Protein backbone atom coordinates (compact mmCIF):
# COMPACT_ATOMS: atom_id res chain seq x y z
CA MET A 1 122.73 99.18 94.51
CA THR A 2 121.04 102.54 94.09
CA PHE A 3 120.57 104.51 90.90
CA ARG A 4 122.11 107.98 91.14
CA PRO A 5 120.68 110.21 88.43
CA THR A 6 122.90 112.56 86.46
CA SER A 7 120.40 115.36 87.14
CA VAL A 8 117.09 116.09 88.83
CA THR A 9 115.12 118.84 87.12
CA ALA A 10 111.57 120.12 87.13
CA HIS A 11 109.66 120.24 83.87
CA PRO A 12 108.95 123.89 82.99
CA SER A 13 105.20 123.23 83.13
CA ILE A 14 105.34 122.99 86.93
CA ASP A 15 107.57 125.98 87.64
CA ALA A 16 104.58 128.11 88.62
CA LYS A 17 103.40 125.51 91.18
CA PHE A 18 106.85 125.32 92.74
CA ASP A 19 107.18 129.12 92.78
CA GLN A 20 103.82 129.52 94.53
CA ILE A 21 104.59 126.88 97.18
CA GLU A 22 108.05 128.39 97.77
CA LYS A 23 106.60 131.91 98.10
CA LEU A 24 103.96 130.84 100.62
CA ALA A 25 106.50 128.73 102.53
CA GLY A 26 108.78 131.78 102.72
CA GLU A 27 105.89 133.59 104.41
CA ASN A 28 105.66 130.60 106.80
CA ARG A 29 102.11 129.87 105.65
CA GLN A 30 100.76 126.41 106.19
CA PRO A 31 100.35 123.95 104.60
CA ALA A 32 102.77 125.36 102.00
CA ALA A 33 105.69 125.43 104.47
CA ALA A 34 105.24 121.74 105.27
CA ILE A 35 104.85 120.82 101.60
CA TRP A 36 107.97 122.82 100.68
CA LYS A 37 110.03 121.17 103.41
CA GLY A 38 108.81 117.73 102.31
CA LEU A 39 109.55 118.59 98.70
CA LEU A 40 113.14 119.59 99.47
CA THR A 41 113.64 116.37 101.44
CA ALA A 42 112.17 114.28 98.61
CA ILE A 43 114.39 115.94 95.99
CA SER A 44 117.44 115.28 98.16
CA ARG A 45 116.52 111.60 98.47
CA ILE A 46 115.82 111.31 94.75
CA LYS A 47 119.26 112.78 94.00
CA ASN A 48 120.77 109.93 96.03
CA ASP A 49 118.46 107.25 94.63
CA GLY A 50 116.45 108.07 91.52
CA GLN A 51 114.19 105.09 92.11
CA TRP A 52 113.33 106.08 95.69
CA GLY A 53 109.69 106.86 94.93
CA GLU A 54 106.86 104.40 94.63
CA VAL A 55 106.62 102.89 91.14
CA ILE A 56 103.32 103.50 89.37
CA PRO A 57 102.55 100.46 87.21
CA LYS A 58 102.83 101.15 83.48
CA SER A 59 99.16 100.25 83.00
CA SER A 60 98.22 102.98 85.53
CA ILE A 61 100.26 105.87 84.07
CA PRO A 62 97.76 108.63 83.24
CA ARG A 63 97.33 109.15 79.49
CA ARG A 64 97.97 112.87 79.97
CA TYR A 65 101.55 112.14 81.09
CA GLU A 66 102.09 109.73 78.20
CA THR A 67 100.90 112.22 75.60
CA GLU A 68 102.22 115.50 77.06
CA PHE A 69 105.55 114.29 78.42
CA GLY A 70 106.17 110.97 76.67
CA VAL A 71 106.31 109.22 80.05
CA THR A 72 107.02 105.49 79.95
CA ASN A 73 107.76 105.18 83.70
CA LEU A 74 106.32 107.08 86.62
CA TYR A 75 107.24 107.40 90.28
CA CYS A 76 105.28 108.97 93.13
CA VAL A 77 106.44 110.43 96.44
CA ASP A 78 104.00 111.25 99.23
CA LEU A 79 104.41 114.75 100.65
CA PRO A 80 102.76 116.49 103.62
CA SER A 81 99.16 117.71 103.44
CA PHE A 82 98.14 114.91 101.11
CA HIS A 83 100.27 116.13 98.20
CA ARG A 84 102.24 113.96 95.82
CA LEU A 85 105.30 114.56 93.70
CA LEU A 86 105.36 112.72 90.36
CA TYR A 87 108.49 112.13 88.35
CA THR A 88 109.90 110.10 85.50
CA ILE A 89 113.34 108.84 84.57
CA ARG A 90 114.78 109.40 81.10
CA ASP A 91 118.17 107.92 80.38
CA ARG A 92 120.03 108.88 83.57
CA ASP A 93 117.99 112.00 84.36
CA VAL A 94 115.04 112.49 86.71
CA ILE A 95 112.36 114.90 85.52
CA VAL A 96 109.76 116.07 88.02
CA ILE A 97 106.54 116.43 86.05
CA ASP A 98 103.86 117.29 88.58
CA LEU A 99 102.96 118.24 92.13
CA VAL A 100 99.33 117.44 92.92
CA ASP A 101 97.01 117.25 95.89
CA HIS A 102 95.16 114.07 96.84
CA ALA A 103 92.00 114.89 94.86
CA GLU A 104 93.96 115.68 91.68
CA TYR A 105 96.04 112.51 92.09
CA ASP A 106 92.89 110.40 92.40
CA ARG A 107 91.39 112.07 89.33
CA LEU A 108 94.58 111.47 87.31
CA MET A 109 94.67 107.80 88.27
CA ARG A 110 91.07 107.32 87.13
CA ASP A 111 91.69 108.78 83.65
């Protein structure tokens, strides 16, 4: 049985990242166009199954996400061009909290 979230929203702190990727994708600039297409596909899948992403073990959740967002669970979705979408589930809602490249993801996981 899959978990269908009531809503899938982006935390306001990442609006600028999404806006920039969308703008560059609209200009058909790579790798932004590939990332944007992958992002839209991922969001669609998450809407159908909120637990679709890879579970990040609780012991590996970056402290930043715990303190800034109150995250107690974290999921990761691989996107094109070595980017990753990170989200959490609260009650029956999915909240996208970050979009990072490979280097930033590695740095976060070391903290």
